[in-house]
């Protein structure tokens, strides 16, 4: 059950009392689906139900209102049309979600249907855990092997590629993707929300990038890429997205890969035919680790929460000779 307090913020009681932040509450309350997604007349009927589910999903799951509300609106609208009770335990039941994906999402592209399914399943798991006392199904997951960093020769080839594309817009997108990835370590989910006002020149010419979202922070670009980053961002309007400003769906996981797949490859000069944003971030992380930068500095700049997150990259670090290791462990005499 959700309500609003005296300040207008959404509040609710699950296994504990919870009050959402003002900005999150406002986004959730202001949400309305496009008319072609849910007709306005139907939206007026189901809006309270969708907001209740949205509160639960945002409070207990990984998604914000901007991501989860449209899938929930689609689900509730379809369920109402099927004559189902508009109760959370029915709407977010695994069988309801599965039926909706199979029958109610036939008009969606395969990738969009897959994304919608994943989002609703996570919301369903939040309900099972919090309201019904059930635990979500165990996720069977194989050991993840991180992608390897780019060797210096390939970094040079990709930099030439980015600066050699036919049009100014293509070059800018490529250079910004490259610099924000290998120079600042931004993952795609952070990179796509960077605007012109978020890139600035700091003391002694260093490039600073302000990052919003789940892991807000400010990152200093690596020296080798700061000049190119500042030059490419110089003419971008303050409120415009720096990468693919014309792309409307900023939540898409494919915003970078779809764009990269359209442009020339470096077949024969690199071990991968298409530039990968994740490999750019890995290259940045391994570079910092090899440089001996304090781990807490790397964690803060990368947005990672624990040292365990860095352990997967140990296989890519430079070997240290026994003599050098001995000197490092001994330290310097006071």
C-alpha atoms as a PDB file:
ATOM      1  CA  UNK A   1       0.000   0.000   0.000  1.00  0.00           C
ATOM      2  CA  UNK A   2       1.405   3.410  -0.895  1.00  0.00           C
ATOM      3  CA  UNK A   3       0.484   6.934   0.175  1.00  0.00           C
ATOM      4  CA  UNK A   4       1.966  10.429   0.111  1.00  0.00           C
ATOM      5  CA  UNK A   5       3.306  12.299   3.124  1.00  0.00           C
ATOM      6  CA  UNK A   6       2.948  16.008   3.902  1.00  0.00           C
ATOM      7  CA  UNK A   7       5.829  16.869   1.562  1.00  0.00           C
ATOM      8  CA  UNK A   8       4.300  14.974  -1.359  1.00  0.00           C
ATOM      9  CA  UNK A   9       6.783  12.087  -1.260  1.00  0.00           C
ATOM     10  CA  UNK A  10       5.611   8.545  -1.851  1.00  0.00           C
ATOM     11  CA  UNK A  11       5.651   6.359   1.258  1.00  0.00           C
ATOM     12  CA  UNK A  12       4.810   2.722   1.704  1.00  0.00           C
ATOM     13  CA  UNK A  13       4.983  -0.167   4.127  1.00  0.00           C
ATOM     14  CA  UNK A  14       6.481  -3.431   3.026  1.00  0.00           C
ATOM     15  CA  UNK A  15       8.420  -5.510   5.540  1.00  0.00           C
ATOM     16  CA  UNK A  16       9.532  -2.112   6.810  1.00  0.00           C
ATOM     17  CA  UNK A  17       8.397   1.461   6.452  1.00  0.00           C
ATOM     18  CA  UNK A  18      10.052   3.204   3.528  1.00  0.00           C
ATOM     19  CA  UNK A  19       9.973   6.686   2.061  1.00  0.00           C
ATOM     20  CA  UNK A  20      11.343   7.312  -1.411  1.00  0.00           C
ATOM     21  CA  UNK A  21      13.565  10.267  -2.168  1.00  0.00           C
ATOM     22  CA  UNK A  22      11.755  13.356  -3.419  1.00  0.00           C
ATOM     23  CA  UNK A  23      13.248  13.192  -6.924  1.00  0.00           C
ATOM     24  CA  UNK A  24      12.376   9.499  -7.286  1.00  0.00           C
ATOM     25  CA  UNK A  25       8.846  10.056  -5.977  1.00  0.00           C
ATOM     26  CA  UNK A  26       8.301  12.921  -8.381  1.00  0.00           C
ATOM     27  CA  UNK A  27       9.423  10.871 -11.379  1.00  0.00           C
ATOM     28  CA  UNK A  28       7.197   7.984 -10.373  1.00  0.00           C
ATOM     29  CA  UNK A  29       4.149  10.211  -9.802  1.00  0.00           C
ATOM     30  CA  UNK A  30       4.706  12.173 -13.011  1.00  0.00           C
ATOM     31  CA  UNK A  31       5.032   9.097 -15.204  1.00  0.00           C
ATOM     32  CA  UNK A  32       2.426   8.573 -17.903  1.00  0.00           C
ATOM     33  CA  UNK A  33       2.813   6.092 -20.779  1.00  0.00           C
ATOM     34  CA  UNK A  34       2.573   7.120 -24.397  1.00  0.00           C
ATOM     35  CA  UNK A  35      -0.999   6.927 -25.753  1.00  0.00           C
ATOM     36  CA  UNK A  36       0.024   4.194 -28.185  1.00  0.00           C
ATOM     37  CA  UNK A  37       1.351   2.137 -25.244  1.00  0.00           C
ATOM     38  CA  UNK A  38      -1.679   2.555 -22.953  1.00  0.00           C
ATOM     39  CA  UNK A  39      -4.763   4.550 -24.053  1.00  0.00           C
ATOM     40  CA  UNK A  40      -5.345   7.602 -21.788  1.00  0.00           C
ATOM     41  CA  UNK A  41      -8.777   6.384 -20.637  1.00  0.00           C
ATOM     42  CA  UNK A  42      -7.342   3.050 -19.548  1.00  0.00           C
ATOM     43  CA  UNK A  43      -4.352   4.754 -17.927  1.00  0.00           C
ATOM     44  CA  UNK A  44      -6.666   6.797 -15.692  1.00  0.00           C
ATOM     45  CA  UNK A  45      -8.167   3.543 -14.408  1.00  0.00           C
ATOM     46  CA  UNK A  46      -4.960   1.624 -13.819  1.00  0.00           C
ATOM     47  CA  UNK A  47      -2.535   4.417 -12.834  1.00  0.00           C
ATOM     48  CA  UNK A  48      -2.869   3.822  -9.037  1.00  0.00           C
ATOM     49  CA  UNK A  49      -2.146   0.118  -9.506  1.00  0.00           C
ATOM     50  CA  UNK A  50       0.882   0.777 -11.721  1.00  0.00           C
ATOM     51  CA  UNK A  51       2.259   3.313  -9.238  1.00  0.00           C
ATOM     52  CA  UNK A  52       1.850   0.817  -6.391  1.00  0.00           C
ATOM     53  CA  UNK A  53       3.794  -1.790  -8.345  1.00  0.00           C
ATOM     54  CA  UNK A  54       6.326   0.854  -9.338  1.00  0.00           C
ATOM     55  CA  UNK A  55       6.876   1.781  -5.698  1.00  0.00           C
ATOM     56  CA  UNK A  56       7.501  -1.857  -4.822  1.00  0.00           C
ATOM     57  CA  UNK A  57       9.845  -2.399  -7.761  1.00  0.00           C
ATOM     58  CA  UNK A  58      11.850   0.789  -7.164  1.00  0.00           C
ATOM     59  CA  UNK A  59      12.087   0.245  -3.400  1.00  0.00           C
ATOM     60  CA  UNK A  60      13.108  -3.419  -3.591  1.00  0.00           C
ATOM     61  CA  UNK A  61      14.781  -3.807  -6.966  1.00  0.00           C
ATOM     62  CA  UNK A  62      17.594  -2.384  -9.083  1.00  0.00           C
ATOM     63  CA  UNK A  63      15.487  -0.242 -11.417  1.00  0.00           C
ATOM     64  CA  UNK A  64      14.417   3.394 -11.224  1.00  0.00           C
ATOM     65  CA  UNK A  65      11.028   4.755 -12.362  1.00  0.00           C
ATOM     66  CA  UNK A  66      12.385   5.714 -15.788  1.00  0.00           C
ATOM     67  CA  UNK A  67      13.149   2.053 -16.511  1.00  0.00           C
ATOM     68  CA  UNK A  68      10.466  -0.019 -14.807  1.00  0.00           C
ATOM     69  CA  UNK A  69       7.250   2.012 -15.168  1.00  0.00           C
ATOM     70  CA  UNK A  70       6.603   1.352 -18.867  1.00  0.00           C
ATOM     71  CA  UNK A  71       6.932  -2.464 -18.566  1.00  0.00           C
ATOM     72  CA  UNK A  72       4.643  -2.359 -15.523  1.00  0.00           C
ATOM     73  CA  UNK A  73       2.106  -0.180 -17.349  1.00  0.00           C
ATOM     74  CA  UNK A  74       2.083  -2.618 -20.278  1.00  0.00           C
ATOM     75  CA  UNK A  75       1.643  -5.574 -17.916  1.00  0.00           C
ATOM     76  CA  UNK A  76      -1.238  -4.027 -15.947  1.00  0.00           C
ATOM     77  CA  UNK A  77      -3.024  -2.808 -19.104  1.00  0.00           C
ATOM     78  CA  UNK A  78      -2.799  -6.277 -20.647  1.00  0.00           C
ATOM     79  CA  UNK A  79      -3.909  -7.952 -17.399  1.00  0.00           C
ATOM     80  CA  UNK A  80      -6.955  -5.695 -17.137  1.00  0.00           C
ATOM     81  CA  UNK A  81      -7.901  -6.528 -20.714  1.00  0.00           C
ATOM     82  CA  UNK A  82      -7.621 -10.231 -19.833  1.00  0.00           C
ATOM     83  CA  UNK A  83      -9.943  -9.772 -16.850  1.00  0.00           C
ATOM     84  CA  UNK A  84      -7.303 -10.619 -14.251  1.00  0.00           C
ATOM     85  CA  UNK A  85      -7.574  -9.219 -10.695  1.00  0.00           C
ATOM     86  CA  UNK A  86      -5.384  -6.126 -10.409  1.00  0.00           C
ATOM     87  CA  UNK A  87      -3.603  -7.356  -7.292  1.00  0.00           C
ATOM     88  CA  UNK A  88       0.209  -7.365  -6.918  1.00  0.00           C
ATOM     89  CA  UNK A  89       0.246 -11.067  -6.041  1.00  0.00           C
ATOM     90  CA  UNK A  90      -1.558 -11.816  -9.324  1.00  0.00           C
ATOM     91  CA  UNK A  91       0.041  -9.229 -11.593  1.00  0.00           C
ATOM     92  CA  UNK A  92       3.609 -10.063 -10.590  1.00  0.00           C
ATOM     93  CA  UNK A  93       3.123 -13.788 -10.323  1.00  0.00           C
ATOM     94  CA  UNK A  94       5.722 -15.545 -12.448  1.00  0.00           C
ATOM     95  CA  UNK A  95       3.031 -17.278 -14.504  1.00  0.00           C
ATOM     96  CA  UNK A  96       1.300 -13.957 -15.262  1.00  0.00           C
ATOM     97  CA  UNK A  97       4.567 -12.368 -16.325  1.00  0.00           C
ATOM     98  CA  UNK A  98       5.464 -15.325 -18.550  1.00  0.00           C
ATOM     99  CA  UNK A  99       2.021 -15.312 -20.187  1.00  0.00           C
ATOM    100  CA  UNK A 100       2.233 -11.560 -20.774  1.00  0.00           C
ATOM    101  CA  UNK A 101       5.639 -11.867 -22.454  1.00  0.00           C
ATOM    102  CA  UNK A 102       4.443 -14.687 -24.718  1.00  0.00           C
ATOM    103  CA  UNK A 103       1.034 -13.264 -25.633  1.00  0.00           C
ATOM    104  CA  UNK A 104       0.999  -9.585 -24.773  1.00  0.00           C
ATOM    105  CA  UNK A 105       4.358  -8.647 -26.273  1.00  0.00           C
ATOM    106  CA  UNK A 106       4.062 -10.195 -29.718  1.00  0.00           C
ATOM    107  CA  UNK A 107       4.287  -6.781 -31.364  1.00  0.00           C
ATOM    108  CA  UNK A 108       7.636  -5.998 -29.730  1.00  0.00           C
ATOM    109  CA  UNK A 109      11.066  -6.648 -31.210  1.00  0.00           C
ATOM    110  CA  UNK A 110      12.863  -9.686 -29.828  1.00  0.00           C
ATOM    111  CA  UNK A 111      15.476  -7.627 -27.974  1.00  0.00           C
ATOM    112  CA  UNK A 112      12.811  -5.337 -26.464  1.00  0.00           C
ATOM    113  CA  UNK A 113      10.725  -8.325 -25.393  1.00  0.00           C
ATOM    114  CA  UNK A 114      13.755  -9.902 -23.758  1.00  0.00           C
ATOM    115  CA  UNK A 115      14.544  -6.687 -21.871  1.00  0.00           C
ATOM    116  CA  UNK A 116      10.926  -6.302 -20.740  1.00  0.00           C
ATOM    117  CA  UNK A 117      10.904  -9.902 -19.513  1.00  0.00           C
ATOM    118  CA  UNK A 118      14.066  -9.404 -17.476  1.00  0.00           C
ATOM    119  CA  UNK A 119      12.756  -6.213 -15.862  1.00  0.00           C
ATOM    120  CA  UNK A 120       9.399  -7.718 -14.905  1.00  0.00           C
ATOM    121  CA  UNK A 121      11.000 -10.876 -13.541  1.00  0.00           C
ATOM    122  CA  UNK A 122      13.151  -8.781 -11.220  1.00  0.00           C
ATOM    123  CA  UNK A 123      10.052  -6.890 -10.047  1.00  0.00           C
ATOM    124  CA  UNK A 124       8.312 -10.241  -9.518  1.00  0.00           C
ATOM    125  CA  UNK A 125      11.225 -11.494  -7.434  1.00  0.00           C
ATOM    126  CA  UNK A 126      11.049  -8.362  -5.273  1.00  0.00           C
ATOM    127  CA  UNK A 127       7.369  -9.099  -4.562  1.00  0.00           C
ATOM    128  CA  UNK A 128       8.025 -12.751  -3.719  1.00  0.00           C
ATOM    129  CA  UNK A 129      10.786 -11.854  -1.307  1.00  0.00           C
ATOM    130  CA  UNK A 130       9.121  -8.906   0.399  1.00  0.00           C
ATOM    131  CA  UNK A 131       5.390  -9.564   0.513  1.00  0.00           C
ATOM    132  CA  UNK A 132       5.002 -13.322   0.249  1.00  0.00           C
ATOM    133  CA  UNK A 133       8.066 -14.418   2.198  1.00  0.00           C
ATOM    134  CA  UNK A 134       9.335 -16.505  -0.706  1.00  0.00           C
ATOM    135  CA  UNK A 135      12.840 -16.391  -2.018  1.00  0.00           C
ATOM    136  CA  UNK A 136      13.447 -15.822  -5.723  1.00  0.00           C
ATOM    137  CA  UNK A 137      14.746 -18.776  -7.736  1.00  0.00           C
ATOM    138  CA  UNK A 138      18.445 -19.439  -7.443  1.00  0.00           C
ATOM    139  CA  UNK A 139      20.345 -17.966 -10.365  1.00  0.00           C
ATOM    140  CA  UNK A 140      22.733 -20.488 -11.848  1.00  0.00           C
ATOM    141  CA  UNK A 141      25.669 -18.572 -13.154  1.00  0.00           C
ATOM    142  CA  UNK A 142      28.945 -19.690 -14.639  1.00  0.00           C
ATOM    143  CA  UNK A 143      32.198 -18.029 -13.687  1.00  0.00           C
ATOM    144  CA  UNK A 144      32.540 -14.801 -15.625  1.00  0.00           C
ATOM    145  CA  UNK A 145      35.770 -14.330 -17.526  1.00  0.00           C
ATOM    146  CA  UNK A 146      36.455 -10.638 -18.091  1.00  0.00           C
ATOM    147  CA  UNK A 147      37.243  -9.388 -21.557  1.00  0.00           C
ATOM    148  CA  UNK A 148      40.937  -8.757 -22.100  1.00  0.00           C
ATOM    149  CA  UNK A 149      42.297  -5.206 -22.250  1.00  0.00           C
ATOM    150  CA  UNK A 150      43.417  -3.790 -25.577  1.00  0.00           C
ATOM    151  CA  UNK A 151      47.179  -4.018 -26.173  1.00  0.00           C
ATOM    152  CA  UNK A 152      48.894  -0.676 -26.947  1.00  0.00           C
ATOM    153  CA  UNK A 153      49.111  -1.428 -30.684  1.00  0.00           C
ATOM    154  CA  UNK A 154      45.345  -1.899 -30.945  1.00  0.00           C
ATOM    155  CA  UNK A 155      44.660   1.200 -28.852  1.00  0.00           C
ATOM    156  CA  UNK A 156      46.643   3.180 -31.426  1.00  0.00           C
ATOM    157  CA  UNK A 157      44.721   1.606 -34.336  1.00  0.00           C
ATOM    158  CA  UNK A 158      41.333   2.324 -32.754  1.00  0.00           C
ATOM    159  CA  UNK A 159      42.310   5.915 -32.027  1.00  0.00           C
ATOM    160  CA  UNK A 160      43.213   6.413 -35.696  1.00  0.00           C
ATOM    161  CA  UNK A 161      39.925   4.755 -36.683  1.00  0.00           C
ATOM    162  CA  UNK A 162      37.894   7.084 -34.459  1.00  0.00           C
ATOM    163  CA  UNK A 163      39.513  10.174 -35.959  1.00  0.00           C
ATOM    164  CA  UNK A 164      39.195   8.930 -39.557  1.00  0.00           C
ATOM    165  CA  UNK A 165      35.445   8.335 -39.921  1.00  0.00           C
ATOM    166  CA  UNK A 166      33.775  10.184 -42.828  1.00  0.00           C
ATOM    167  CA  UNK A 167      31.588  12.765 -41.059  1.00  0.00           C
ATOM    168  CA  UNK A 168      32.115  15.116 -38.141  1.00  0.00           C
ATOM    169  CA  UNK A 169      29.231  13.557 -36.192  1.00  0.00           C
ATOM    170  CA  UNK A 170      30.676  10.068 -36.651  1.00  0.00           C
ATOM    171  CA  UNK A 171      34.147  11.194 -35.581  1.00  0.00           C
ATOM    172  CA  UNK A 172      32.760  12.956 -32.521  1.00  0.00           C
ATOM    173  CA  UNK A 173      30.720   9.945 -31.416  1.00  0.00           C
ATOM    174  CA  UNK A 174      33.674   7.615 -31.924  1.00  0.00           C
ATOM    175  CA  UNK A 175      36.208   9.866 -30.178  1.00  0.00           C
ATOM    176  CA  UNK A 176      33.931  10.533 -27.208  1.00  0.00           C
ATOM    177  CA  UNK A 177      33.089   6.846 -26.841  1.00  0.00           C
ATOM    178  CA  UNK A 178      36.796   6.050 -27.025  1.00  0.00           C
ATOM    179  CA  UNK A 179      37.964   8.770 -24.599  1.00  0.00           C
ATOM    180  CA  UNK A 180      35.197   8.233 -22.049  1.00  0.00           C
ATOM    181  CA  UNK A 181      35.849   4.483 -22.144  1.00  0.00           C
ATOM    182  CA  UNK A 182      39.618   4.139 -22.163  1.00  0.00           C
ATOM    183  CA  UNK A 183      40.373   7.545 -20.643  1.00  0.00           C
ATOM    184  CA  UNK A 184      37.709   7.659 -17.915  1.00  0.00           C
ATOM    185  CA  UNK A 185      36.597   4.046 -17.514  1.00  0.00           C
ATOM    186  CA  UNK A 186      32.919   4.740 -18.083  1.00  0.00           C
ATOM    187  CA  UNK A 187      30.582   1.808 -18.566  1.00  0.00           C
ATOM    188  CA  UNK A 188      27.859   2.245 -21.191  1.00  0.00           C
ATOM    189  CA  UNK A 189      25.189   2.818 -18.520  1.00  0.00           C
ATOM    190  CA  UNK A 190      27.163   5.858 -17.306  1.00  0.00           C
ATOM    191  CA  UNK A 191      28.452   7.071 -20.652  1.00  0.00           C
ATOM    192  CA  UNK A 192      25.043   7.459 -22.300  1.00  0.00           C
ATOM    193  CA  UNK A 193      23.891  10.053 -19.744  1.00  0.00           C
ATOM    194  CA  UNK A 194      26.940  12.344 -19.940  1.00  0.00           C
ATOM    195  CA  UNK A 195      25.965  15.796 -21.226  1.00  0.00           C
ATOM    196  CA  UNK A 196      28.015  18.712 -22.477  1.00  0.00           C
ATOM    197  CA  UNK A 197      27.883  20.421 -19.090  1.00  0.00           C
ATOM    198  CA  UNK A 198      29.361  17.318 -17.417  1.00  0.00           C
ATOM    199  CA  UNK A 199      32.729  17.615 -19.201  1.00  0.00           C
ATOM    200  CA  UNK A 200      34.888  20.485 -18.017  1.00  0.00           C
ATOM    201  CA  UNK A 201      38.503  21.584 -17.885  1.00  0.00           C
ATOM    202  CA  UNK A 202      40.028  21.579 -14.434  1.00  0.00           C
ATOM    203  CA  UNK A 203      43.365  22.782 -13.048  1.00  0.00           C
ATOM    204  CA  UNK A 204      46.449  22.375 -15.267  1.00  0.00           C
ATOM    205  CA  UNK A 205      44.341  21.364 -18.252  1.00  0.00           C
ATOM    206  CA  UNK A 206      42.986  18.126 -16.857  1.00  0.00           C
ATOM    207  CA  UNK A 207      39.599  16.936 -18.131  1.00  0.00           C
ATOM    208  CA  UNK A 208      36.911  16.280 -15.530  1.00  0.00           C
ATOM    209  CA  UNK A 209      33.801  14.198 -16.213  1.00  0.00           C
ATOM    210  CA  UNK A 210      30.820  14.326 -13.872  1.00  0.00           C
ATOM    211  CA  UNK A 211      28.814  11.107 -13.792  1.00  0.00           C
ATOM    212  CA  UNK A 212      25.219  10.767 -12.638  1.00  0.00           C
ATOM    213  CA  UNK A 213      22.965   7.747 -12.139  1.00  0.00           C
ATOM    214  CA  UNK A 214      23.465   4.847  -9.736  1.00  0.00           C
ATOM    215  CA  UNK A 215      27.140   5.613  -9.162  1.00  0.00           C
ATOM    216  CA  UNK A 216      27.537   9.423  -9.124  1.00  0.00           C
ATOM    217  CA  UNK A 217      31.140  10.604  -9.089  1.00  0.00           C
ATOM    218  CA  UNK A 218      33.650  12.814 -10.870  1.00  0.00           C
ATOM    219  CA  UNK A 219      36.420  11.153 -12.873  1.00  0.00           C
ATOM    220  CA  UNK A 220      39.672  12.683 -14.067  1.00  0.00           C
ATOM    221  CA  UNK A 221      40.486  11.608 -17.617  1.00  0.00           C
ATOM    222  CA  UNK A 222      43.863   9.969 -18.248  1.00  0.00           C
ATOM    223  CA  UNK A 223      46.462  12.409 -19.544  1.00  0.00           C
ATOM    224  CA  UNK A 224      46.838  10.744 -22.954  1.00  0.00           C
ATOM    225  CA  UNK A 225      43.171  11.386 -23.849  1.00  0.00           C
ATOM    226  CA  UNK A 226      42.262  14.608 -22.035  1.00  0.00           C
ATOM    227  CA  UNK A 227      43.123  16.959 -24.904  1.00  0.00           C
ATOM    228  CA  UNK A 228      41.042  15.006 -27.434  1.00  0.00           C
ATOM    229  CA  UNK A 229      38.138  14.688 -24.983  1.00  0.00           C
ATOM    230  CA  UNK A 230      38.019  18.424 -24.253  1.00  0.00           C
ATOM    231  CA  UNK A 231      38.309  19.296 -27.940  1.00  0.00           C
ATOM    232  CA  UNK A 232      35.442  17.004 -28.963  1.00  0.00           C
ATOM    233  CA  UNK A 233      33.197  18.220 -26.128  1.00  0.00           C
ATOM    234  CA  UNK A 234      33.914  21.926 -26.607  1.00  0.00           C
ATOM    235  CA  UNK A 235      31.005  22.692 -28.954  1.00  0.00           C
ATOM    236  CA  UNK A 236      28.396  20.396 -27.428  1.00  0.00           C
ATOM    237  CA  UNK A 237      25.452  22.286 -25.837  1.00  0.00           C
ATOM    238  CA  UNK A 238      25.321  22.066 -22.051  1.00  0.00           C
ATOM    239  CA  UNK A 239      22.070  20.092 -21.968  1.00  0.00           C
ATOM    240  CA  UNK A 240      22.821  17.802 -24.931  1.00  0.00           C
ATOM    241  CA  UNK A 241      24.011  14.225 -24.560  1.00  0.00           C
ATOM    242  CA  UNK A 242      27.570  13.923 -25.824  1.00  0.00           C
ATOM    243  CA  UNK A 243      27.193  10.426 -27.329  1.00  0.00           C
ATOM    244  CA  UNK A 244      24.452   9.894 -29.906  1.00  0.00           C
ATOM    245  CA  UNK A 245      22.446  12.972 -28.845  1.00  0.00           C
ATOM    246  CA  UNK A 246      19.639  12.049 -31.259  1.00  0.00           C
ATOM    247  CA  UNK A 247      19.075   8.613 -29.686  1.00  0.00           C
ATOM    248  CA  UNK A 248      15.864   8.724 -27.622  1.00  0.00           C
ATOM    249  CA  UNK A 249      16.020   5.479 -25.634  1.00  0.00           C
ATOM    250  CA  UNK A 250      18.897   6.176 -23.255  1.00  0.00           C
ATOM    251  CA  UNK A 251      18.108   3.026 -21.232  1.00  0.00           C
ATOM    252  CA  UNK A 252      18.950   0.686 -24.120  1.00  0.00           C
ATOM    253  CA  UNK A 253      21.890  -1.602 -23.441  1.00  0.00           C
ATOM    254  CA  UNK A 254      22.668  -1.569 -27.153  1.00  0.00           C
ATOM    255  CA  UNK A 255      23.072   2.179 -27.674  1.00  0.00           C
ATOM    256  CA  UNK A 256      26.826   1.807 -28.170  1.00  0.00           C
ATOM    257  CA  UNK A 257      27.000  -1.630 -29.816  1.00  0.00           C
ATOM    258  CA  UNK A 258      24.264  -0.782 -32.352  1.00  0.00           C
ATOM    259  CA  UNK A 259      26.149   2.335 -33.382  1.00  0.00           C
ATOM    260  CA  UNK A 260      29.539   0.637 -33.556  1.00  0.00           C
ATOM    261  CA  UNK A 261      28.187  -2.178 -35.724  1.00  0.00           C
ATOM    262  CA  UNK A 262      27.410   0.297 -38.534  1.00  0.00           C
ATOM    263  CA  UNK A 263      30.913   1.592 -39.109  1.00  0.00           C
ATOM    264  CA  UNK A 264      34.176   0.385 -40.662  1.00  0.00           C
ATOM    265  CA  UNK A 265      36.107  -2.386 -38.981  1.00  0.00           C
ATOM    266  CA  UNK A 266      39.805  -2.902 -38.502  1.00  0.00           C
ATOM    267  CA  UNK A 267      39.847  -6.469 -39.739  1.00  0.00           C
ATOM    268  CA  UNK A 268      43.390  -7.780 -39.969  1.00  0.00           C
ATOM    269  CA  UNK A 269      44.869  -5.139 -37.669  1.00  0.00           C
ATOM    270  CA  UNK A 270      43.090  -6.062 -34.418  1.00  0.00           C
ATOM    271  CA  UNK A 271      41.924  -9.315 -32.846  1.00  0.00           C
ATOM    272  CA  UNK A 272      38.359  -7.987 -32.697  1.00  0.00           C
ATOM    273  CA  UNK A 273      36.568  -6.568 -35.727  1.00  0.00           C
ATOM    274  CA  UNK A 274      34.371  -4.162 -33.732  1.00  0.00           C
ATOM    275  CA  UNK A 275      35.330  -1.771 -30.952  1.00  0.00           C
ATOM    276  CA  UNK A 276      33.919  -2.894 -27.579  1.00  0.00           C
ATOM    277  CA  UNK A 277      33.066  -0.392 -24.850  1.00  0.00           C
ATOM    278  CA  UNK A 278      33.598  -3.017 -22.133  1.00  0.00           C
ATOM    279  CA  UNK A 279      37.143  -3.679 -23.361  1.00  0.00           C
ATOM    280  CA  UNK A 280      37.839   0.049 -23.214  1.00  0.00           C
ATOM    281  CA  UNK A 281      36.801   0.122 -19.554  1.00  0.00           C
ATOM    282  CA  UNK A 282      38.841  -3.013 -18.835  1.00  0.00           C
ATOM    283  CA  UNK A 283      41.894  -1.413 -20.462  1.00  0.00           C
ATOM    284  CA  UNK A 284      41.437   1.651 -18.229  1.00  0.00           C
ATOM    285  CA  UNK A 285      41.116  -0.448 -15.066  1.00  0.00           C
ATOM    286  CA  UNK A 286      44.139  -2.622 -15.834  1.00  0.00           C
ATOM    287  CA  UNK A 287      46.173   0.486 -16.683  1.00  0.00           C
ATOM    288  CA  UNK A 288      45.348   1.985 -13.266  1.00  0.00           C
ATOM    289  CA  UNK A 289      46.149  -1.253 -11.446  1.00  0.00           C
ATOM    290  CA  UNK A 290      49.471  -1.635 -13.247  1.00  0.00           C
ATOM    291  CA  UNK A 291      50.319   1.975 -12.388  1.00  0.00           C
ATOM    292  CA  UNK A 292      50.104   1.131  -8.685  1.00  0.00           C
ATOM    293  CA  UNK A 293      47.339   3.649  -7.991  1.00  0.00           C
ATOM    294  CA  UNK A 294      45.825   3.078  -4.513  1.00  0.00           C
ATOM    295  CA  UNK A 295      42.919   0.667  -4.668  1.00  0.00           C
ATOM    296  CA  UNK A 296      40.468   2.951  -2.872  1.00  0.00           C
ATOM    297  CA  UNK A 297      41.152   5.623  -5.513  1.00  0.00           C
ATOM    298  CA  UNK A 298      40.408   3.125  -8.297  1.00  0.00           C
ATOM    299  CA  UNK A 299      37.205   1.956  -6.598  1.00  0.00           C
ATOM    300  CA  UNK A 300      35.938   5.509  -6.212  1.00  0.00           C
ATOM    301  CA  UNK A 301      36.755   6.479  -9.804  1.00  0.00           C
ATOM    302  CA  UNK A 302      35.319   3.281 -11.298  1.00  0.00           C
ATOM    303  CA  UNK A 303      32.109   3.246  -9.279  1.00  0.00           C
ATOM    304  CA  UNK A 304      32.844  -0.287  -8.072  1.00  0.00           C
ATOM    305  CA  UNK A 305      31.760  -1.117  -4.532  1.00  0.00           C
ATOM    306  CA  UNK A 306      34.216  -3.782  -3.381  1.00  0.00           C
ATOM    307  CA  UNK A 307      37.754  -5.000  -3.928  1.00  0.00           C
ATOM    308  CA  UNK A 308      36.282  -8.305  -5.078  1.00  0.00           C
ATOM    309  CA  UNK A 309      35.086  -6.496  -8.205  1.00  0.00           C
ATOM    310  CA  UNK A 310      38.718  -5.899  -9.150  1.00  0.00           C
ATOM    311  CA  UNK A 311      39.908  -9.457  -8.531  1.00  0.00           C
ATOM    312  CA  UNK A 312      38.856 -10.638 -12.007  1.00  0.00           C
ATOM    313  CA  UNK A 313      41.419  -8.292 -13.585  1.00  0.00           C
ATOM    314  CA  UNK A 314      44.420  -9.693 -11.699  1.00  0.00           C
ATOM    315  CA  UNK A 315      45.167 -12.106 -14.549  1.00  0.00           C
ATOM    316  CA  UNK A 316      45.971  -9.133 -16.795  1.00  0.00           C
ATOM    317  CA  UNK A 317      48.467  -7.376 -14.508  1.00  0.00           C
ATOM    318  CA  UNK A 318      52.158  -7.140 -15.364  1.00  0.00           C
ATOM    319  CA  UNK A 319      54.451  -9.739 -13.843  1.00  0.00           C
ATOM    320  CA  UNK A 320      56.936  -8.490 -11.269  1.00  0.00           C
ATOM    321  CA  UNK A 321      60.380 -10.061 -11.005  1.00  0.00           C
ATOM    322  CA  UNK A 322      61.331 -11.763  -7.766  1.00  0.00           C
ATOM    323  CA  UNK A 323      64.006  -9.147  -7.098  1.00  0.00           C
ATOM    324  CA  UNK A 324      61.596  -6.246  -7.660  1.00  0.00           C
ATOM    325  CA  UNK A 325      58.963  -7.926  -5.505  1.00  0.00           C
ATOM    326  CA  UNK A 326      61.530  -8.344  -2.742  1.00  0.00           C
ATOM    327  CA  UNK A 327      62.466  -4.654  -2.907  1.00  0.00           C
ATOM    328  CA  UNK A 328      58.829  -3.575  -2.878  1.00  0.00           C
ATOM    329  CA  UNK A 329      58.029  -5.732   0.127  1.00  0.00           C
ATOM    330  CA  UNK A 330      61.104  -4.546   2.001  1.00  0.00           C
ATOM    331  CA  UNK A 331      60.288  -0.887   1.508  1.00  0.00           C
ATOM    332  CA  UNK A 332      62.591   2.093   1.893  1.00  0.00           C
ATOM    333  CA  UNK A 333      64.661   2.677   5.004  1.00  0.00           C
ATOM    334  CA  UNK A 334      63.331   5.526   7.143  1.00  0.00           C
END
